[in-house]
PDB file of N, CA and C in Angstrom:
ATOM      1  N   MET A   1     101.043  72.261 141.695  1.00  0.00           N
ATOM      2  CA  MET A   1     102.243  71.559 141.351  1.00  0.00           C
ATOM      3  C   MET A   1     103.480  72.306 141.878  1.00  0.00           C
ATOM      4  N   LEU A   2     103.602  73.546 141.491  1.00  0.00           N
ATOM      5  CA  LEU A   2     104.734  74.349 141.929  1.00  0.00           C
ATOM      6  C   LEU A   2     104.724  74.517 143.443  1.00  0.00           C
ATOM      7  N   GLU A   3     103.530  74.690 144.015  1.00  0.00           N
ATOM      8  CA  GLU A   3     103.417  74.878 145.454  1.00  0.00           C
ATOM      9  C   GLU A   3     103.888  73.630 146.198  1.00  0.00           C
ATOM     10  N   ARG A   4     103.554  72.450 145.673  1.00  0.00           N
ATOM     11  CA  ARG A   4     103.979  71.199 146.316  1.00  0.00           C
ATOM     12  C   ARG A   4     105.497  71.071 146.305  1.00  0.00           C
ATOM     13  N   LEU A   5     106.082  71.325 145.151  1.00  0.00           N
ATOM     14  CA  LEU A   5     107.529  71.227 145.040  1.00  0.00           C
ATOM     15  C   LEU A   5     108.214  72.281 145.902  1.00  0.00           C
ATOM     16  N   ARG A   6     107.684  73.471 145.888  1.00  0.00           N
ATOM     17  CA  ARG A   6     108.244  74.569 146.699  1.00  0.00           C
ATOM     18  C   ARG A   6     108.239  74.202 148.178  1.00  0.00           C
ATOM     19  N   ALA A   7     107.136  73.663 148.661  1.00  0.00           N
ATOM     20  CA  ALA A   7     107.028  73.311 150.080  1.00  0.00           C
ATOM     21  C   ALA A   7     108.058  72.260 150.470  1.00  0.00           C
ATOM     22  N   ALA A   8     108.232  71.255 149.637  1.00  0.00           N
ATOM     23  CA  ALA A   8     109.180  70.189 149.950  1.00  0.00           C
ATOM     24  C   ALA A   8     110.620  70.672 149.847  1.00  0.00           C
ATOM     25  N   ALA A   9     110.930  71.437 148.809  1.00  0.00           N
ATOM     26  CA  ALA A   9     112.310  71.884 148.594  1.00  0.00           C
ATOM     27  C   ALA A   9     112.764  72.874 149.652  1.00  0.00           C
ATOM     28  N   THR A  10     111.922  73.810 149.978  1.00  0.00           N
ATOM     29  CA  THR A  10     112.335  74.829 150.943  1.00  0.00           C
ATOM     30  C   THR A  10     112.369  74.297 152.370  1.00  0.00           C
ATOM     31  N   ALA A  11     111.845  73.093 152.596  1.00  0.00           N
ATOM     32  CA  ALA A  11     111.958  72.454 153.910  1.00  0.00           C
ATOM     33  C   ALA A  11     113.352  71.851 154.118  1.00  0.00           C
ATOM     34  N   LEU A  12     114.124  71.729 153.043  1.00  0.00           N
ATOM     35  CA  LEU A  12     115.478  71.180 153.131  1.00  0.00           C
ATOM     36  C   LEU A  12     116.440  72.270 153.610  1.00  0.00           C
ATOM     37  N   PRO A  13     117.450  71.922 154.410  1.00  0.00           N
ATOM     38  CA  PRO A  13     118.353  72.927 154.973  1.00  0.00           C
ATOM     39  C   PRO A  13     119.045  73.794 153.914  1.00  0.00           C
ATOM     40  N   GLU A  14     118.876  75.095 154.058  1.00  0.00           N
ATOM     41  CA  GLU A  14     119.527  76.095 153.210  1.00  0.00           C
ATOM     42  C   GLU A  14     119.211  75.954 151.728  1.00  0.00           C
ATOM     43  N   CYS A  15     118.101  75.329 151.398  1.00  0.00           N
ATOM     44  CA  CYS A  15     117.672  75.184 150.007  1.00  0.00           C
ATOM     45  C   CYS A  15     116.803  76.384 149.654  1.00  0.00           C
ATOM     46  N   ARG A  16     117.143  77.046 148.571  1.00  0.00           N
ATOM     47  CA  ARG A  16     116.428  78.264 148.204  1.00  0.00           C
ATOM     48  C   ARG A  16     115.916  78.184 146.768  1.00  0.00           C
ATOM     49  N   GLU A  17     114.828  78.872 146.540  1.00  0.00           N
ATOM     50  CA  GLU A  17     114.207  78.933 145.216  1.00  0.00           C
ATOM     51  C   GLU A  17     114.692  80.171 144.478  1.00  0.00           C
ATOM     52  N   GLU A  18     114.847  80.025 143.170  1.00  0.00           N
ATOM     53  CA  GLU A  18     115.204  81.176 142.337  1.00  0.00           C
ATOM     54  C   GLU A  18     114.751  80.942 140.908  1.00  0.00           C
ATOM     55  N   SER A  19     114.722  82.014 140.145  1.00  0.00           N
ATOM     56  CA  SER A  19     114.421  81.907 138.718  1.00  0.00           C
ATOM     57  C   SER A  19     115.562  81.197 138.021  1.00  0.00           C
ATOM     58  N   ALA A  20     115.219  80.391 137.041  1.00  0.00           N
ATOM     59  CA  ALA A  20     116.215  79.733 136.200  1.00  0.00           C
ATOM     60  C   ALA A  20     116.100  80.342 134.801  1.00  0.00           C
ATOM     61  N   TRP A  21     116.947  79.929 133.881  1.00  0.00           N
ATOM     62  CA  TRP A  21     116.874  80.449 132.519  1.00  0.00           C
ATOM     63  C   TRP A  21     115.503  80.182 131.919  1.00  0.00           C
ATOM     64  N   ILE A  22     114.871  79.109 132.407  1.00  0.00           N
ATOM     65  CA  ILE A  22     113.481  78.792 132.087  1.00  0.00           C
ATOM     66  C   ILE A  22     112.925  78.079 133.321  1.00  0.00           C
ATOM     67  N   GLY A  23     111.799  78.498 133.786  1.00  0.00           N
ATOM     68  CA  GLY A  23     111.194  77.864 134.951  1.00  0.00           C
ATOM     69  C   GLY A  23     111.789  78.343 136.272  1.00  0.00           C
ATOM     70  N   ARG A  24     111.697  77.465 137.269  1.00  0.00           N
ATOM     71  CA  ARG A  24     112.189  77.749 138.628  1.00  0.00           C
ATOM     72  C   ARG A  24     113.146  76.644 139.026  1.00  0.00           C
ATOM     73  N   ARG A  25     114.083  76.977 139.892  1.00  0.00           N
ATOM     74  CA  ARG A  25     115.001  75.970 140.393  1.00  0.00           C
ATOM     75  C   ARG A  25     115.225  76.182 141.882  1.00  0.00           C
ATOM     76  N   TRP A  26     115.680  75.093 142.536  1.00  0.00           N
ATOM     77  CA  TRP A  26     116.015  75.132 143.954  1.00  0.00           C
ATOM     78  C   TRP A  26     117.467  74.728 144.063  1.00  0.00           C
ATOM     79  N   ARG A  27     118.208  75.514 144.847  1.00  0.00           N
ATOM     80  CA  ARG A  27     119.648  75.319 144.965  1.00  0.00           C
ATOM     81  C   ARG A  27     120.078  75.270 146.415  1.00  0.00           C
ATOM     82  N   VAL A  28     121.177  74.601 146.634  1.00  0.00           N
ATOM     83  CA  VAL A  28     121.881  74.640 147.903  1.00  0.00           C
ATOM     84  C   VAL A  28     123.294  75.057 147.532  1.00  0.00           C
ATOM     85  N   GLY A  29     123.745  76.165 148.086  1.00  0.00           N
ATOM     86  CA  GLY A  29     125.003  76.748 147.628  1.00  0.00           C
ATOM     87  C   GLY A  29     124.846  77.116 146.164  1.00  0.00           C
ATOM     88  N   GLN A  30     125.782  76.689 145.329  1.00  0.00           N
ATOM     89  CA  GLN A  30     125.695  76.949 143.890  1.00  0.00           C
ATOM     90  C   GLN A  30     125.206  75.739 143.103  1.00  0.00           C
ATOM     91  N   ALA A  31     124.785  74.696 143.783  1.00  0.00           N
ATOM     92  CA  ALA A  31     124.370  73.452 143.129  1.00  0.00           C
ATOM     93  C   ALA A  31     122.852  73.383 143.005  1.00  0.00           C
ATOM     94  N   THR A  32     122.383  73.038 141.825  1.00  0.00           N
ATOM     95  CA  THR A  32     120.947  72.888 141.596  1.00  0.00           C
ATOM     96  C   THR A  32     120.476  71.533 142.107  1.00  0.00           C
ATOM     97  N   VAL A  33     119.441  71.572 142.920  1.00  0.00           N
ATOM     98  CA  VAL A  33     118.834  70.373 143.489  1.00  0.00           C
ATOM     99  C   VAL A  33     117.676  69.902 142.615  1.00  0.00           C
ATOM    100  N   ALA A  34     116.840  70.839 142.170  1.00  0.00           N
ATOM    101  CA  ALA A  34     115.682  70.523 141.338  1.00  0.00           C
ATOM    102  C   ALA A  34     115.385  71.700 140.427  1.00  0.00           C
ATOM    103  N   HIS A  35     114.835  71.386 139.264  1.00  0.00           N
ATOM    104  CA  HIS A  35     114.489  72.411 138.283  1.00  0.00           C
ATOM    105  C   HIS A  35     113.157  72.003 137.656  1.00  0.00           C
ATOM    106  N   ILE A  36     112.176  72.886 137.702  1.00  0.00           N
ATOM    107  CA  ILE A  36     110.890  72.611 137.080  1.00  0.00           C
ATOM    108  C   ILE A  36     110.673  73.627 135.967  1.00  0.00           C
ATOM    109  N   PHE A  37     110.195  73.137 134.837  1.00  0.00           N
ATOM    110  CA  PHE A  37     110.016  74.001 133.670  1.00  0.00           C
ATOM    111  C   PHE A  37     108.980  73.380 132.743  1.00  0.00           C
ATOM    112  N   GLY A  38     108.575  74.129 131.759  1.00  0.00           N
ATOM    113  CA  GLY A  38     107.639  73.637 130.756  1.00  0.00           C
ATOM    114  C   GLY A  38     106.313  74.363 130.826  1.00  0.00           C
ATOM    115  N   GLY A  39     105.304  73.708 130.302  1.00  0.00           N
ATOM    116  CA  GLY A  39     103.968  74.275 130.287  1.00  0.00           C
ATOM    117  C   GLY A  39     103.553  74.759 128.919  1.00  0.00           C
ATOM    118  N   GLU A  40     104.527  75.177 128.107  1.00  0.00           N
ATOM    119  CA  GLU A  40     104.178  75.686 126.783  1.00  0.00           C
ATOM    120  C   GLU A  40     103.542  74.596 125.925  1.00  0.00           C
ATOM    121  N   ASP A  41     103.864  73.345 126.182  1.00  0.00           N
ATOM    122  CA  ASP A  41     103.260  72.216 125.474  1.00  0.00           C
ATOM    123  C   ASP A  41     102.285  71.467 126.389  1.00  0.00           C
ATOM    124  N   GLU A  42     101.885  72.124 127.463  1.00  0.00           N
ATOM    125  CA  GLU A  42     100.993  71.582 128.481  1.00  0.00           C
ATOM    126  C   GLU A  42     101.617  70.456 129.290  1.00  0.00           C
ATOM    127  N   LEU A  43     102.937  70.308 129.199  1.00  0.00           N
ATOM    128  CA  LEU A  43     103.663  69.322 129.985  1.00  0.00           C
ATOM    129  C   LEU A  43     104.685  70.051 130.851  1.00  0.00           C
ATOM    130  N   PHE A  44     104.734  69.673 132.122  1.00  0.00           N
ATOM    131  CA  PHE A  44     105.731  70.222 133.027  1.00  0.00           C
ATOM    132  C   PHE A  44     106.747  69.130 133.318  1.00  0.00           C
ATOM    133  N   ARG A  45     107.994  69.537 133.446  1.00  0.00           N
ATOM    134  CA  ARG A  45     109.080  68.608 133.672  1.00  0.00           C
ATOM    135  C   ARG A  45     109.871  69.039 134.898  1.00  0.00           C
ATOM    136  N   ILE A  46     110.361  68.047 135.617  1.00  0.00           N
ATOM    137  CA  ILE A  46     111.255  68.323 136.731  1.00  0.00           C
ATOM    138  C   ILE A  46     112.514  67.505 136.500  1.00  0.00           C
ATOM    139  N   THR A  47     113.658  68.109 136.794  1.00  0.00           N
ATOM    140  CA  THR A  47     114.910  67.373 136.747  1.00  0.00           C
ATOM    141  C   THR A  47     115.536  67.410 138.131  1.00  0.00           C
ATOM    142  N   LEU A  48     116.127  66.288 138.494  1.00  0.00           N
ATOM    143  CA  LEU A  48     116.757  66.118 139.801  1.00  0.00           C
ATOM    144  C   LEU A  48     118.025  65.297 139.610  1.00  0.00           C
ATOM    145  N   ARG A  49     118.897  65.322 140.586  1.00  0.00           N
ATOM    146  CA  ARG A  49     120.115  64.513 140.539  1.00  0.00           C
ATOM    147  C   ARG A  49     119.846  63.161 141.186  1.00  0.00           C
ATOM    148  N   GLY A  50     120.497  62.139 140.651  1.00  0.00           N
ATOM    149  CA  GLY A  50     120.349  60.806 141.199  1.00  0.00           C
ATOM    150  C   GLY A  50     121.599  59.985 140.981  1.00  0.00           C
ATOM    151  N   ASP A  51     121.654  58.842 141.603  1.00  0.00           N
ATOM    152  CA  ASP A  51     122.742  57.904 141.405  1.00  0.00           C
ATOM    153  C   ASP A  51     122.704  57.451 139.943  1.00  0.00           C
ATOM    154  N   PRO A  52     123.855  57.346 139.272  1.00  0.00           N
ATOM    155  CA  PRO A  52     123.858  56.955 137.854  1.00  0.00           C
ATOM    156  C   PRO A  52     123.105  55.652 137.573  1.00  0.00           C
ATOM    157  N   ASP A  53     123.165  54.677 138.477  1.00  0.00           N
ATOM    158  CA  ASP A  53     122.413  53.439 138.269  1.00  0.00           C
ATOM    159  C   ASP A  53     120.909  53.698 138.304  1.00  0.00           C
ATOM    160  N   ASP A  54     120.475  54.598 139.196  1.00  0.00           N
ATOM    161  CA  ASP A  54     119.054  54.952 139.260  1.00  0.00           C
ATOM    162  C   ASP A  54     118.623  55.695 138.003  1.00  0.00           C
ATOM    163  N   VAL A  55     119.497  56.544 137.477  1.00  0.00           N
ATOM    164  CA  VAL A  55     119.180  57.275 136.246  1.00  0.00           C
ATOM    165  C   VAL A  55     118.909  56.274 135.130  1.00  0.00           C
ATOM    166  N   ALA A  56     119.767  55.282 134.994  1.00  0.00           N
ATOM    167  CA  ALA A  56     119.583  54.261 133.960  1.00  0.00           C
ATOM    168  C   ALA A  56     118.275  53.505 134.166  1.00  0.00           C
ATOM    169  N   ALA A  57     117.993  53.134 135.405  1.00  0.00           N
ATOM    170  CA  ALA A  57     116.764  52.385 135.692  1.00  0.00           C
ATOM    171  C   ALA A  57     115.529  53.217 135.371  1.00  0.00           C
ATOM    172  N   PHE A  58     115.503  54.477 135.807  1.00  0.00           N
ATOM    173  CA  PHE A  58     114.355  55.340 135.535  1.00  0.00           C
ATOM    174  C   PHE A  58     114.182  55.564 134.041  1.00  0.00           C
ATOM    175  N   THR A  59     115.283  55.743 133.330  1.00  0.00           N
ATOM    176  CA  THR A  59     115.217  55.964 131.886  1.00  0.00           C
ATOM    177  C   THR A  59     114.588  54.763 131.192  1.00  0.00           C
ATOM    178  N   HIS A  60     114.944  53.564 131.628  1.00  0.00           N
ATOM    179  CA  HIS A  60     114.385  52.358 131.011  1.00  0.00           C
ATOM    180  C   HIS A  60     112.917  52.142 131.352  1.00  0.00           C
ATOM    181  N   LEU A  61     112.438  52.759 132.428  1.00  0.00           N
ATOM    182  CA  LEU A  61     111.019  52.640 132.775  1.00  0.00           C
ATOM    183  C   LEU A  61     110.128  53.381 131.780  1.00  0.00           C
ATOM    184  N   GLY A  62     110.685  54.409 131.155  1.00  0.00           N
ATOM    185  CA  GLY A  62     109.886  55.205 130.221  1.00  0.00           C
ATOM    186  C   GLY A  62     109.020  56.210 130.964  1.00  0.00           C
ATOM    187  N   SER A  63     107.999  56.701 130.296  1.00  0.00           N
ATOM    188  CA  SER A  63     107.147  57.759 130.827  1.00  0.00           C
ATOM    189  C   SER A  63     106.584  57.366 132.186  1.00  0.00           C
ATOM    190  N   PRO A  64     106.678  58.262 133.156  1.00  0.00           N
ATOM    191  CA  PRO A  64     106.903  59.697 133.086  1.00  0.00           C
ATOM    192  C   PRO A  64     108.371  60.114 133.183  1.00  0.00           C
ATOM    193  N   TYR A  65     109.310  59.148 133.146  1.00  0.00           N
ATOM    194  CA  TYR A  65     110.728  59.469 133.316  1.00  0.00           C
ATOM    195  C   TYR A  65     111.394  59.674 131.967  1.00  0.00           C
ATOM    196  N   PHE A  66     112.446  60.472 131.959  1.00  0.00           N
ATOM    197  CA  PHE A  66     113.221  60.665 130.742  1.00  0.00           C
ATOM    198  C   PHE A  66     114.666  60.977 131.103  1.00  0.00           C
ATOM    199  N   LYS A  67     115.553  60.757 130.158  1.00  0.00           N
ATOM    200  CA  LYS A  67     116.981  61.057 130.336  1.00  0.00           C
ATOM    201  C   LYS A  67     117.220  62.466 129.844  1.00  0.00           C
ATOM    202  N   SER A  68     117.828  63.257 130.680  1.00  0.00           N
ATOM    203  CA  SER A  68     118.183  64.621 130.318  1.00  0.00           C
ATOM    204  C   SER A  68     119.592  64.645 129.750  1.00  0.00           C
ATOM    205  N   ASP A  69     119.856  65.579 128.870  1.00  0.00           N
ATOM    206  CA  ASP A  69     121.196  65.741 128.309  1.00  0.00           C
ATOM    207  C   ASP A  69     122.070  66.627 129.183  1.00  0.00           C
ATOM    208  N   TRP A  70     121.585  67.054 130.351  1.00  0.00           N
ATOM    209  CA  TRP A  70     122.309  68.010 131.193  1.00  0.00           C
ATOM    210  C   TRP A  70     123.377  67.388 132.060  1.00  0.00           C
ATOM    211  N   GLY A  71     123.434  66.090 132.133  1.00  0.00           N
ATOM    212  CA  GLY A  71     124.449  65.455 132.960  1.00  0.00           C
ATOM    213  C   GLY A  71     124.159  63.969 133.110  1.00  0.00           C
ATOM    214  N   SER A  72     125.176  63.223 133.474  1.00  0.00           N
ATOM    215  CA  SER A  72     125.018  61.771 133.582  1.00  0.00           C
ATOM    216  C   SER A  72     124.210  61.350 134.803  1.00  0.00           C
ATOM    217  N   ASN A  73     124.024  62.271 135.749  1.00  0.00           N
ATOM    218  CA  ASN A  73     123.274  61.897 136.956  1.00  0.00           C
ATOM    219  C   ASN A  73     121.954  62.671 137.076  1.00  0.00           C
ATOM    220  N   VAL A  74     121.371  63.045 135.955  1.00  0.00           N
ATOM    221  CA  VAL A  74     120.120  63.802 135.973  1.00  0.00           C
ATOM    222  C   VAL A  74     118.947  62.899 135.606  1.00  0.00           C
ATOM    223  N   ILE A  75     117.958  62.883 136.490  1.00  0.00           N
ATOM    224  CA  ILE A  75     116.705  62.166 136.266  1.00  0.00           C
ATOM    225  C   ILE A  75     115.663  63.193 135.855  1.00  0.00           C
ATOM    226  N   GLY A  76     114.972  62.943 134.769  1.00  0.00           N
ATOM    227  CA  GLY A  76     113.883  63.806 134.342  1.00  0.00           C
ATOM    228  C   GLY A  76     112.558  63.111 134.568  1.00  0.00           C
ATOM    229  N   MET A  77     111.551  63.910 134.882  1.00  0.00           N
ATOM    230  CA  MET A  77     110.228  63.351 135.171  1.00  0.00           C
ATOM    231  C   MET A  77     109.155  64.317 134.705  1.00  0.00           C
ATOM    232  N   LEU A  78     108.172  63.808 133.964  1.00  0.00           N
ATOM    233  CA  LEU A  78     107.004  64.606 133.619  1.00  0.00           C
ATOM    234  C   LEU A  78     106.125  64.698 134.861  1.00  0.00           C
ATOM    235  N   VAL A  79     105.594  65.881 135.118  1.00  0.00           N
ATOM    236  CA  VAL A  79     104.794  66.119 136.313  1.00  0.00           C
ATOM    237  C   VAL A  79     103.389  66.523 135.874  1.00  0.00           C
ATOM    238  N   ASP A  80     102.388  65.816 136.405  1.00  0.00           N
ATOM    239  CA  ASP A  80     100.998  66.136 136.068  1.00  0.00           C
ATOM    240  C   ASP A  80     100.093  65.744 137.240  1.00  0.00           C
ATOM    241  N   GLU A  81      98.799  65.686 136.982  1.00  0.00           N
ATOM    242  CA  GLU A  81      97.851  65.383 138.064  1.00  0.00           C
ATOM    243  C   GLU A  81      97.989  63.962 138.592  1.00  0.00           C
ATOM    244  N   ASP A  82      98.670  63.072 137.850  1.00  0.00           N
ATOM    245  CA  ASP A  82      98.862  61.691 138.288  1.00  0.00           C
ATOM    246  C   ASP A  82     100.215  61.452 138.945  1.00  0.00           C
ATOM    247  N   THR A  83     100.987  62.502 139.138  1.00  0.00           N
ATOM    248  CA  THR A  83     102.321  62.370 139.715  1.00  0.00           C
ATOM    249  C   THR A  83     102.257  61.785 141.123  1.00  0.00           C
ATOM    250  N   ASP A  84     103.173  60.879 141.410  1.00  0.00           N
ATOM    251  CA  ASP A  84     103.316  60.307 142.746  1.00  0.00           C
ATOM    252  C   ASP A  84     104.189  61.266 143.553  1.00  0.00           C
ATOM    253  N   TRP A  85     103.563  62.118 144.358  1.00  0.00           N
ATOM    254  CA  TRP A  85     104.293  63.154 145.086  1.00  0.00           C
ATOM    255  C   TRP A  85     105.143  62.605 146.215  1.00  0.00           C
ATOM    256  N   ASP A  86     104.824  61.411 146.712  1.00  0.00           N
ATOM    257  CA  ASP A  86     105.713  60.772 147.691  1.00  0.00           C
ATOM    258  C   ASP A  86     107.045  60.446 147.021  1.00  0.00           C
ATOM    259  N   GLU A  87     106.964  59.933 145.803  1.00  0.00           N
ATOM    260  CA  GLU A  87     108.182  59.622 145.059  1.00  0.00           C
ATOM    261  C   GLU A  87     108.972  60.888 144.742  1.00  0.00           C
ATOM    262  N   VAL A  88     108.284  61.952 144.348  1.00  0.00           N
ATOM    263  CA  VAL A  88     108.965  63.215 144.082  1.00  0.00           C
ATOM    264  C   VAL A  88     109.699  63.686 145.339  1.00  0.00           C
ATOM    265  N   GLY A  89     109.053  63.588 146.492  1.00  0.00           N
ATOM    266  CA  GLY A  89     109.689  63.993 147.744  1.00  0.00           C
ATOM    267  C   GLY A  89     110.946  63.191 148.029  1.00  0.00           C
ATOM    268  N   GLU A  90     110.903  61.885 147.792  1.00  0.00           N
ATOM    269  CA  GLU A  90     112.070  61.048 148.012  1.00  0.00           C
ATOM    270  C   GLU A  90     113.183  61.374 147.013  1.00  0.00           C
ATOM    271  N   LEU A  91     112.822  61.538 145.737  1.00  0.00           N
ATOM    272  CA  LEU A  91     113.824  61.896 144.725  1.00  0.00           C
ATOM    273  C   LEU A  91     114.430  63.264 145.007  1.00  0.00           C
ATOM    274  N   LEU A  92     113.626  64.177 145.481  1.00  0.00           N
ATOM    275  CA  LEU A  92     114.116  65.512 145.830  1.00  0.00           C
ATOM    276  C   LEU A  92     115.134  65.429 146.966  1.00  0.00           C
ATOM    277  N   ALA A  93     114.831  64.631 147.984  1.00  0.00           N
ATOM    278  CA  ALA A  93     115.756  64.480 149.113  1.00  0.00           C
ATOM    279  C   ALA A  93     117.057  63.816 148.676  1.00  0.00           C
ATOM    280  N   ILE A  94     116.971  62.832 147.799  1.00  0.00           N
ATOM    281  CA  ILE A  94     118.180  62.180 147.274  1.00  0.00           C
ATOM    282  C   ILE A  94     119.006  63.184 146.477  1.00  0.00           C
ATOM    283  N   SER A  95     118.346  63.951 145.625  1.00  0.00           N
ATOM    284  CA  SER A  95     119.035  64.974 144.838  1.00  0.00           C
ATOM    285  C   SER A  95     119.728  65.971 145.755  1.00  0.00           C
ATOM    286  N   TYR A  96     119.027  66.383 146.790  1.00  0.00           N
ATOM    287  CA  TYR A  96     119.603  67.316 147.754  1.00  0.00           C
ATOM    288  C   TYR A  96     120.866  66.726 148.387  1.00  0.00           C
ATOM    289  N   CYS A  97     120.786  65.469 148.814  1.00  0.00           N
ATOM    290  CA  CYS A  97     121.932  64.841 149.473  1.00  0.00           C
ATOM    291  C   CYS A  97     123.131  64.699 148.535  1.00  0.00           C
ATOM    292  N   ILE A  98     122.886  64.547 147.252  1.00  0.00           N
ATOM    293  CA  ILE A  98     123.968  64.482 146.267  1.00  0.00           C
ATOM    294  C   ILE A  98     124.602  65.857 146.084  1.00  0.00           C
ATOM    295  N   GLN A  99     123.792  66.894 146.060  1.00  0.00           N
ATOM    296  CA  GLN A  99     124.266  68.233 145.725  1.00  0.00           C
ATOM    297  C   GLN A  99     124.746  69.051 146.925  1.00  0.00           C
ATOM    298  N   ALA A 100     124.233  68.780 148.094  1.00  0.00           N
ATOM    299  CA  ALA A 100     124.541  69.603 149.269  1.00  0.00           C
ATOM    300  C   ALA A 100     125.908  69.271 149.858  1.00  0.00           C
ATOM    301  N   PRO A 101     126.502  70.235 150.541  1.00  0.00           N
ATOM    302  CA  PRO A 101     127.723  69.931 151.301  1.00  0.00           C
ATOM    303  C   PRO A 101     127.405  68.847 152.347  1.00  0.00           C
ATOM    304  N   ARG A 102     128.392  68.061 152.676  1.00  0.00           N
ATOM    305  CA  ARG A 102     128.195  66.925 153.577  1.00  0.00           C
ATOM    306  C   ARG A 102     127.499  67.322 154.878  1.00  0.00           C
ATOM    307  N   HIS A 103     127.910  68.445 155.487  1.00  0.00           N
ATOM    308  CA  HIS A 103     127.333  68.821 156.786  1.00  0.00           C
ATOM    309  C   HIS A 103     125.835  69.112 156.687  1.00  0.00           C
ATOM    310  N   LEU A 104     125.356  69.511 155.530  1.00  0.00           N
ATOM    311  CA  LEU A 104     123.916  69.715 155.339  1.00  0.00           C
ATOM    312  C   LEU A 104     123.229  68.415 154.929  1.00  0.00           C
ATOM    313  N   ALA A 105     123.852  67.658 154.041  1.00  0.00           N
ATOM    314  CA  ALA A 105     123.266  66.401 153.579  1.00  0.00           C
ATOM    315  C   ALA A 105     123.049  65.424 154.731  1.00  0.00           C
ATOM    316  N   GLU A 106     123.937  65.457 155.717  1.00  0.00           N
ATOM    317  CA  GLU A 106     123.807  64.554 156.863  1.00  0.00           C
ATOM    318  C   GLU A 106     122.561  64.845 157.695  1.00  0.00           C
ATOM    319  N   ARG A 107     121.963  65.998 157.506  1.00  0.00           N
ATOM    320  CA  ARG A 107     120.761  66.371 158.256  1.00  0.00           C
ATOM    321  C   ARG A 107     119.476  65.884 157.587  1.00  0.00           C
ATOM    322  N   VAL A 108     119.593  65.240 156.426  1.00  0.00           N
ATOM    323  CA  VAL A 108     118.419  64.834 155.656  1.00  0.00           C
ATOM    324  C   VAL A 108     118.408  63.319 155.481  1.00  0.00           C
ATOM    325  N   ASP A 109     117.257  62.723 155.751  1.00  0.00           N
ATOM    326  CA  ASP A 109     117.045  61.295 155.515  1.00  0.00           C
ATOM    327  C   ASP A 109     116.082  61.171 154.338  1.00  0.00           C
ATOM    328  N   PRO A 110     116.562  60.703 153.173  1.00  0.00           N
ATOM    329  CA  PRO A 110     115.676  60.604 152.010  1.00  0.00           C
ATOM    330  C   PRO A 110     114.431  59.756 152.257  1.00  0.00           C
ATOM    331  N   GLN A 111     114.513  58.804 153.183  1.00  0.00           N
ATOM    332  CA  GLN A 111     113.353  57.962 153.467  1.00  0.00           C
ATOM    333  C   GLN A 111     112.263  58.697 154.241  1.00  0.00           C
ATOM    334  N   SER A 112     112.621  59.797 154.885  1.00  0.00           N
ATOM    335  CA  SER A 112     111.621  60.607 155.586  1.00  0.00           C
ATOM    336  C   SER A 112     111.650  62.020 155.001  1.00  0.00           C
ATOM    337  N   ALA A 113     111.576  62.077 153.691  1.00  0.00           N
ATOM    338  CA  ALA A 113     111.652  63.336 152.943  1.00  0.00           C
ATOM    339  C   ALA A 113     110.464  64.231 153.281  1.00  0.00           C
ATOM    340  N   PRO A 114     110.623  65.545 153.095  1.00  0.00           N
ATOM    341  CA  PRO A 114     109.499  66.467 153.286  1.00  0.00           C
ATOM    342  C   PRO A 114     108.319  66.054 152.405  1.00  0.00           C
ATOM    343  N   ASP A 115     107.136  66.155 152.928  1.00  0.00           N
ATOM    344  CA  ASP A 115     105.924  65.749 152.222  1.00  0.00           C
ATOM    345  C   ASP A 115     105.500  66.831 151.243  1.00  0.00           C
ATOM    346  N   PRO A 116     105.616  66.555 149.918  1.00  0.00           N
ATOM    347  CA  PRO A 116     105.230  67.570 148.933  1.00  0.00           C
ATOM    348  C   PRO A 116     103.741  67.569 148.618  1.00  0.00           C
ATOM    349  N   LYS A 117     102.936  66.802 149.339  1.00  0.00           N
ATOM    350  CA  LYS A 117     101.509  66.753 149.040  1.00  0.00           C
ATOM    351  C   LYS A 117     100.788  68.037 149.418  1.00  0.00           C
ATOM    352  N   SER A 118     101.341  68.733 150.368  1.00  0.00           N
ATOM    353  CA  SER A 118     100.659  69.903 150.899  1.00  0.00           C
ATOM    354  C   SER A 118     101.612  71.083 150.949  1.00  0.00           C
ATOM    355  N   PRO A 119     101.154  72.279 150.585  1.00  0.00           N
ATOM    356  CA  PRO A 119     101.996  73.462 150.735  1.00  0.00           C
ATOM    357  C   PRO A 119     102.387  73.720 152.178  1.00  0.00           C
ATOM    358  N   GLN A 120     101.758  73.037 153.120  1.00  0.00           N
ATOM    359  CA  GLN A 120     102.076  73.215 154.532  1.00  0.00           C
ATOM    360  C   GLN A 120     103.242  72.346 154.964  1.00  0.00           C
ATOM    361  N   ALA A 121     103.787  71.506 154.051  1.00  0.00           N
ATOM    362  CA  ALA A 121     104.855  70.555 154.403  1.00  0.00           C
ATOM    363  C   ALA A 121     106.073  71.268 154.948  1.00  0.00           C
TER     364      ALA A 121
END
């Protein structure tokens, strides 16, 4: 799980991994692109940035999505063996484009996001 996310996130321009207050996070500049945490309850969660309309839509879909209290544009998702990693890759690229400086975001196409299925991505 972590390896898949790591491979996709670090393929994005100037995106780096670091320890967070809990779990791991990926940042571009000082902005967090993705944060993965959990496990103590056997559930892992990832939070990413999204368009506010998408946040509302994902929240209404229910599990595996949830609304985070960390911001109005944060999408939360439970991550497990049934996770759609193509979707995670697309959401990660969208989050990156929201958080990154324009000159970096312009280098990323969310529709052709890094493939998180393989650590070789």
